[in-house]
Amino acid sequence: MMKYIHCSTQRPAATLLILLGLASLNASLNASSNLGQAHAGQQSDQQSEPDQQDRYSLCLDLVEKAPDKGINNALEWQLEGGGVPARHCEALGLFYAGEYSEAAVRLEGIAEDMRIGRGMPVRGDERATATASMLADTYGQAANAWLLGGEIVRAEASIGQALGLVPPYTRLERSLRVIRARIAAVEEDFTLALSELETVLRAEPRRTDLLLFVAAAARGTADFTKADGALKRYIKLYPDDPSAFLELGNLKDALGNSAAARQAWLKVLTLTAVGPDADAARTNIERVDVVKDENP
């Protein structure tokens, strides 16, 4: 598993990574239920469509709460002819178990099979294949998994396939652009990350949750004015989010205002005493204090 760490301004990817990489993760996986439910009505005659959809929903609930049990349940379902939904549930179980690369392999395999109709139901004289949106969604999930598994080249390949398939100007396309922004941030291509995020925000101005990510990406490009503006808007909307004050400290530090940075990081600790935000804030405070002691 790739370890995501909030860092100081030496590596401005930090806040963007932990927030874009982890906070948006559940939303991506929750959206994936549409994929399995779409297939649930396309499987064999062994189970009716409502039965398949109910079992898929139950399987997803189980893999999130107890991945090992969920995976076993999905494997049993596959033996019973569960098809794509059962395989998809297994892949998500591996994801929740932290087996990101294995999950990505499964997801890409599902996408390839859906593309050619392997394992898909026969309708009349033809075997069903997946829609472009379904394929794009699956490749996007694979990209997410590759990213968290630290396989950046493979993440790029998967997101490239996803964006090449997805219908333009759709919510799914925008979701995939956010994934590409996360991948770009890992490679410290903050210009691309910022461009993708701003594209999404223009289409969905209510996605105010992205403002913090915009601030971090803008800081990475040294556009401190844009970073400051996005961060102020975000803090006004979400005044109790410790990640916002962690990023504020990072921004102040980048501007050379160590005292203001320290105050922002102390604010993080008043909002949360444990977790990655708190750990990063303490590390950053220690760093500026050491510099201050060395240069009284």
Protein backbone atom coordinates (compact mmCIF):
# COMPACT_ATOMS: atom_id res chain seq x y z
CA MET A 1 0.00 0.00 0.00
CA MET A 2 1.29 3.44 -0.88
CA LYS A 3 1.69 5.54 2.23
CA TYR A 4 0.13 8.97 1.91
CA ILE A 5 1.65 11.60 4.14
CA HIS A 6 0.89 15.25 4.66
CA CYS A 7 4.16 17.02 4.10
CA SER A 8 5.38 20.54 4.35
CA THR A 9 6.02 22.80 1.41
CA GLN A 10 9.03 20.82 0.21
CA ARG A 11 6.49 18.37 -1.30
CA PRO A 12 3.25 20.28 -1.92
CA ALA A 13 1.54 17.14 -3.25
CA ALA A 14 0.85 16.03 0.28
CA THR A 15 -2.52 17.56 1.07
CA LEU A 16 -3.78 16.96 -2.44
CA LEU A 17 -2.79 13.32 -2.26
CA ILE A 18 -4.34 12.41 1.01
CA LEU A 19 -7.55 14.30 0.28
CA LEU A 20 -8.04 13.52 -3.37
CA GLY A 21 -6.71 10.03 -2.94
CA LEU A 22 -8.66 9.03 0.12
CA ALA A 23 -11.57 11.39 0.69
CA SER A 24 -12.95 10.91 -2.81
CA LEU A 25 -12.37 7.20 -2.76
CA ASN A 26 -15.62 6.08 -1.20
CA ALA A 27 -17.61 8.24 -3.59
CA SER A 28 -15.95 6.52 -6.50
CA LEU A 29 -16.63 3.06 -5.15
CA ASN A 30 -20.20 3.90 -4.20
CA ALA A 31 -20.81 5.05 -7.75
CA SER A 32 -19.54 1.70 -8.94
CA SER A 33 -22.64 -0.01 -7.62
CA ASN A 34 -24.39 1.24 -10.76
CA LEU A 35 -22.05 -0.94 -12.76
CA GLY A 36 -22.92 -4.13 -10.95
CA GLN A 37 -26.60 -3.32 -10.80
CA ALA A 38 -26.65 -2.75 -14.53
CA HIS A 39 -25.17 -6.19 -15.02
CA ALA A 40 -27.34 -7.79 -12.40
CA GLY A 41 -30.21 -7.76 -14.82
CA GLN A 42 -28.09 -9.30 -17.56
CA GLN A 43 -27.00 -12.51 -15.92
CA SER A 44 -28.14 -16.07 -16.33
CA ASP A 45 -31.63 -17.34 -15.67
CA GLN A 46 -30.54 -18.91 -12.39
CA GLN A 47 -31.64 -15.81 -10.49
CA SER A 48 -34.24 -13.17 -11.27
CA GLU A 49 -33.16 -9.56 -11.76
CA PRO A 50 -34.42 -8.35 -8.35
CA ASP A 51 -32.65 -11.26 -6.65
CA GLN A 52 -29.40 -10.41 -8.41
CA GLN A 53 -29.63 -6.73 -7.54
CA ASP A 54 -30.45 -7.47 -3.90
CA ARG A 55 -27.59 -9.93 -3.62
CA TYR A 56 -25.20 -7.48 -5.23
CA SER A 57 -26.18 -4.74 -2.77
CA LEU A 58 -25.76 -7.12 0.16
CA CYS A 59 -22.41 -8.26 -1.17
CA LEU A 60 -21.18 -4.67 -1.44
CA ASP A 61 -22.28 -3.94 2.12
CA LEU A 62 -20.43 -7.00 3.38
CA VAL A 63 -17.15 -6.37 1.55
CA GLU A 64 -17.04 -2.84 2.96
CA LYS A 65 -17.70 -3.93 6.54
CA ALA A 66 -15.85 -7.27 6.53
CA PRO A 67 -13.73 -7.65 3.38
CA ASP A 68 -12.62 -11.24 4.01
CA LYS A 69 -16.17 -12.47 4.56
CA GLY A 70 -17.36 -10.44 1.61
CA ILE A 71 -14.73 -11.93 -0.68
CA ASN A 72 -15.70 -15.46 0.36
CA ASN A 73 -19.34 -14.61 -0.25
CA ALA A 74 -18.49 -13.26 -3.69
CA LEU A 75 -16.52 -16.38 -4.58
CA GLU A 76 -19.43 -18.60 -3.55
CA TRP A 77 -21.74 -16.44 -5.63
CA GLN A 78 -19.46 -16.86 -8.63
CA LEU A 79 -19.73 -20.63 -8.31
CA GLU A 80 -23.50 -20.22 -8.35
CA GLY A 81 -23.37 -18.27 -11.62
CA GLY A 82 -23.22 -14.75 -10.20
CA GLY A 83 -21.25 -13.54 -13.19
CA VAL A 84 -19.96 -10.00 -13.47
CA PRO A 85 -21.63 -8.62 -10.30
CA ALA A 86 -20.08 -11.40 -8.21
CA ARG A 87 -16.65 -10.81 -9.75
CA HIS A 88 -17.00 -7.08 -9.28
CA CYS A 89 -17.92 -7.57 -5.64
CA GLU A 90 -14.83 -9.73 -5.15
CA ALA A 91 -12.65 -7.02 -6.70
CA LEU A 92 -14.07 -4.39 -4.36
CA GLY A 93 -13.53 -6.76 -1.44
CA LEU A 94 -9.86 -6.96 -2.35
CA PHE A 95 -9.81 -3.19 -2.55
CA TYR A 96 -11.27 -2.75 0.93
CA ALA A 97 -8.84 -5.37 2.21
CA GLY A 98 -5.98 -3.16 1.03
CA GLU A 99 -5.02 -5.49 -1.81
CA TYR A 100 -5.12 -2.64 -4.27
CA SER A 101 -3.05 -4.16 -7.05
CA GLU A 102 -4.99 -7.41 -6.96
CA ALA A 103 -8.22 -5.44 -7.08
CA ALA A 104 -6.96 -3.49 -10.07
CA VAL A 105 -6.04 -6.68 -11.92
CA ARG A 106 -9.54 -8.05 -11.31
CA LEU A 107 -11.21 -4.82 -12.42
CA GLU A 108 -9.22 -4.62 -15.62
CA GLY A 109 -10.01 -8.26 -16.32
CA ILE A 110 -13.71 -7.59 -15.83
CA ALA A 111 -13.52 -4.62 -18.20
CA GLU A 112 -11.76 -6.64 -20.90
CA ASP A 113 -14.27 -9.46 -20.61
CA MET A 114 -17.18 -7.04 -20.76
CA ARG A 115 -15.68 -5.40 -23.83
CA ILE A 116 -15.75 -8.65 -25.83
CA GLY A 117 -18.75 -10.21 -24.11
CA ARG A 118 -16.88 -13.00 -22.34
CA GLY A 119 -19.03 -14.33 -19.53
CA MET A 120 -21.89 -12.04 -20.53
CA PRO A 121 -25.41 -13.33 -21.18
CA VAL A 122 -26.62 -14.29 -24.63
CA ARG A 123 -29.50 -12.25 -26.01
CA GLY A 124 -31.06 -13.88 -29.00
CA ASP A 125 -28.15 -14.91 -31.20
CA GLU A 126 -25.66 -12.42 -29.78
CA ARG A 127 -23.69 -12.18 -26.59
CA ALA A 128 -24.20 -8.93 -24.70
CA THR A 129 -21.33 -6.48 -24.31
CA ALA A 130 -20.90 -3.52 -22.00
CA THR A 131 -21.66 0.08 -22.86
CA ALA A 132 -18.85 2.60 -23.19
CA SER A 133 -19.88 4.18 -19.88
CA MET A 134 -19.74 0.86 -18.04
CA LEU A 135 -16.29 0.14 -19.42
CA ALA A 136 -15.05 3.63 -18.58
CA ASP A 137 -16.38 3.32 -15.03
CA THR A 138 -14.60 0.01 -14.54
CA TYR A 139 -11.28 1.27 -15.91
CA GLY A 140 -11.63 4.31 -13.67
CA GLN A 141 -12.00 2.07 -10.64
CA ALA A 142 -8.93 0.14 -11.77
CA ALA A 143 -7.00 3.40 -12.04
CA ASN A 144 -8.01 4.26 -8.47
CA ALA A 145 -6.79 0.91 -7.26
CA TRP A 146 -3.51 1.10 -9.18
CA LEU A 147 -2.93 4.58 -7.76
CA LEU A 148 -3.38 3.46 -4.17
CA GLY A 149 -1.23 0.43 -4.89
CA GLY A 150 1.59 2.72 -5.99
CA GLU A 151 1.50 1.51 -9.60
CA ILE A 152 1.41 4.91 -11.22
CA VAL A 153 2.23 3.88 -14.79
CA ARG A 154 -0.60 1.34 -14.74
CA ALA A 155 -2.90 3.90 -13.15
CA GLU A 156 -2.15 6.27 -16.02
CA ALA A 157 -2.89 3.54 -18.56
CA SER A 158 -6.22 2.69 -16.94
CA ILE A 159 -7.39 6.27 -16.63
CA GLY A 160 -6.35 6.86 -20.24
CA GLN A 161 -8.54 3.97 -21.35
CA ALA A 162 -11.39 5.24 -19.20
CA LEU A 163 -11.26 8.77 -20.59
CA GLY A 164 -10.98 7.42 -24.12
CA LEU A 165 -14.28 5.58 -23.67
CA VAL A 166 -16.40 7.85 -21.51
CA PRO A 167 -19.10 9.95 -23.20
CA PRO A 168 -18.04 13.63 -23.04
CA TYR A 169 -19.69 16.23 -20.83
CA THR A 170 -21.04 13.65 -18.42
CA ARG A 171 -20.76 13.35 -14.66
CA LEU A 172 -18.75 10.17 -15.13
CA GLU A 173 -16.25 12.02 -17.30
CA ARG A 174 -15.82 14.63 -14.59
CA SER A 175 -15.33 11.92 -11.97
CA LEU A 176 -12.61 10.39 -14.12
CA ARG A 177 -10.94 13.78 -14.50
CA VAL A 178 -10.67 14.01 -10.73
CA ILE A 179 -8.94 10.63 -10.72
CA ARG A 180 -6.53 11.88 -13.38
CA ALA A 181 -5.85 14.94 -11.21
CA ARG A 182 -4.89 12.64 -8.34
CA ILE A 183 -2.57 10.66 -10.57
CA ALA A 184 -1.00 13.85 -11.89
CA ALA A 185 -0.44 15.06 -8.32
CA VAL A 186 1.50 11.90 -7.49
CA GLU A 187 3.83 12.73 -10.35
CA GLU A 188 3.96 16.34 -9.16
CA ASP A 189 2.38 17.54 -12.38
CA PHE A 190 0.36 20.16 -10.54
CA THR A 191 -0.41 22.08 -13.71
CA LEU A 192 -2.37 19.11 -15.09
CA ALA A 193 -3.95 18.40 -11.70
CA LEU A 194 -5.12 22.01 -11.40
CA SER A 195 -6.41 22.07 -14.97
CA GLU A 196 -8.49 18.95 -14.46
CA LEU A 197 -9.94 20.18 -11.17
CA GLU A 198 -10.86 23.55 -12.61
CA THR A 199 -12.53 21.86 -15.58
CA VAL A 200 -14.69 19.87 -13.20
CA LEU A 201 -15.53 22.94 -11.11
CA ARG A 202 -16.60 24.93 -14.15
CA ALA A 203 -19.08 22.21 -15.01
CA GLU A 204 -20.11 21.54 -11.42
CA PRO A 205 -19.69 24.78 -9.45
CA ARG A 206 -21.40 23.20 -6.46
CA ARG A 207 -18.48 20.81 -6.01
CA THR A 208 -17.12 23.05 -3.30
CA ASP A 209 -15.37 20.04 -1.77
CA LEU A 210 -12.85 20.38 -4.60
CA LEU A 211 -11.77 23.86 -3.51
CA LEU A 212 -9.29 22.49 -1.01
CA PHE A 213 -7.76 20.32 -3.72
CA VAL A 214 -7.58 23.31 -6.04
CA ALA A 215 -5.74 25.24 -3.33
CA ALA A 216 -3.18 22.47 -2.89
CA ALA A 217 -2.65 22.07 -6.63
CA ALA A 218 -2.36 25.84 -7.12
CA ARG A 219 0.23 25.94 -4.35
CA GLY A 220 2.10 23.23 -6.23
CA THR A 221 2.24 25.49 -9.29
CA ALA A 222 3.31 28.46 -7.12
CA ASP A 223 0.08 30.29 -7.94
CA PHE A 224 -0.30 31.41 -4.36
CA THR A 225 -3.01 33.97 -5.12
CA LYS A 226 -5.27 31.32 -6.59
CA ALA A 227 -4.42 28.94 -3.75
CA ASP A 228 -5.30 31.59 -1.17
CA GLY A 229 -8.60 32.43 -2.84
CA ALA A 230 -9.72 28.80 -3.10
CA LEU A 231 -8.67 28.09 0.46
CA LYS A 232 -10.53 31.08 1.89
CA ARG A 233 -13.70 29.97 0.13
CA TYR A 234 -13.27 26.45 1.42
CA ILE A 235 -12.64 27.46 5.04
CA LYS A 236 -15.69 29.72 4.99
CA LEU A 237 -17.81 26.73 3.94
CA TYR A 238 -16.04 24.10 6.07
CA PRO A 239 -14.61 25.94 9.11
CA ASP A 240 -14.07 22.79 11.17
CA ASP A 241 -12.11 20.76 8.64
CA PRO A 242 -8.60 20.18 10.02
CA SER A 243 -7.26 19.46 6.54
CA ALA A 244 -8.11 23.01 5.54
CA PHE A 245 -5.91 24.45 8.28
CA LEU A 246 -3.15 22.01 7.46
CA GLU A 247 -3.20 23.34 3.92
CA LEU A 248 -3.39 26.91 5.20
CA GLY A 249 -0.23 26.28 7.18
CA ASN A 250 1.44 24.80 4.13
CA LEU A 251 0.48 27.84 2.09
CA LYS A 252 1.71 30.31 4.71
CA ASP A 253 4.93 28.34 4.96
CA ALA A 254 5.38 28.52 1.19
CA LEU A 255 4.92 32.29 1.43
CA GLY A 256 7.65 32.45 4.08
CA ASN A 257 5.37 33.31 6.99
CA SER A 258 6.44 30.68 9.50
CA ALA A 259 4.58 32.27 12.41
CA ALA A 260 1.24 32.19 10.56
CA ALA A 261 1.98 28.68 9.35
CA ARG A 262 2.60 27.54 12.91
CA GLN A 263 -0.67 29.07 14.09
CA ALA A 264 -2.58 27.29 11.33
CA TRP A 265 -0.98 23.95 12.22
CA LEU A 266 -1.80 24.51 15.90
CA LYS A 267 -5.40 25.05 14.83
CA VAL A 268 -5.30 21.58 13.26
CA LEU A 269 -4.45 20.12 16.66
CA THR A 270 -7.36 21.91 18.30
CA LEU A 271 -9.67 20.28 15.77
CA THR A 272 -8.20 16.78 15.85
CA ALA A 273 -5.64 15.14 18.11
CA VAL A 274 -5.09 11.97 16.08
CA GLY A 275 -4.87 10.96 12.45
CA PRO A 276 -2.80 12.06 9.45
CA ASP A 277 -3.74 15.74 9.73
CA ALA A 278 -2.59 15.88 13.35
CA ASP A 279 0.57 13.90 12.62
CA ALA A 280 1.50 16.19 9.75
CA ALA A 281 0.77 19.31 11.78
CA ARG A 282 3.04 18.14 14.61
CA THR A 283 5.82 17.28 12.17
CA ASN A 284 5.57 20.67 10.51
CA ILE A 285 5.52 22.52 13.84
CA GLU A 286 8.62 20.64 14.94
CA ARG A 287 10.32 21.54 11.68
CA VAL A 288 9.69 25.27 11.94
CA ASP A 289 10.63 25.25 15.62
CA VAL A 290 13.96 23.60 14.84
CA VAL A 291 14.66 26.19 12.15
CA LYS A 292 13.75 28.95 14.60
CA ASP A 293 16.09 27.53 17.25
CA GLU A 294 18.91 27.26 14.72
CA ASN A 295 18.34 30.83 13.56
CA PRO A 296 17.34 32.79 16.68
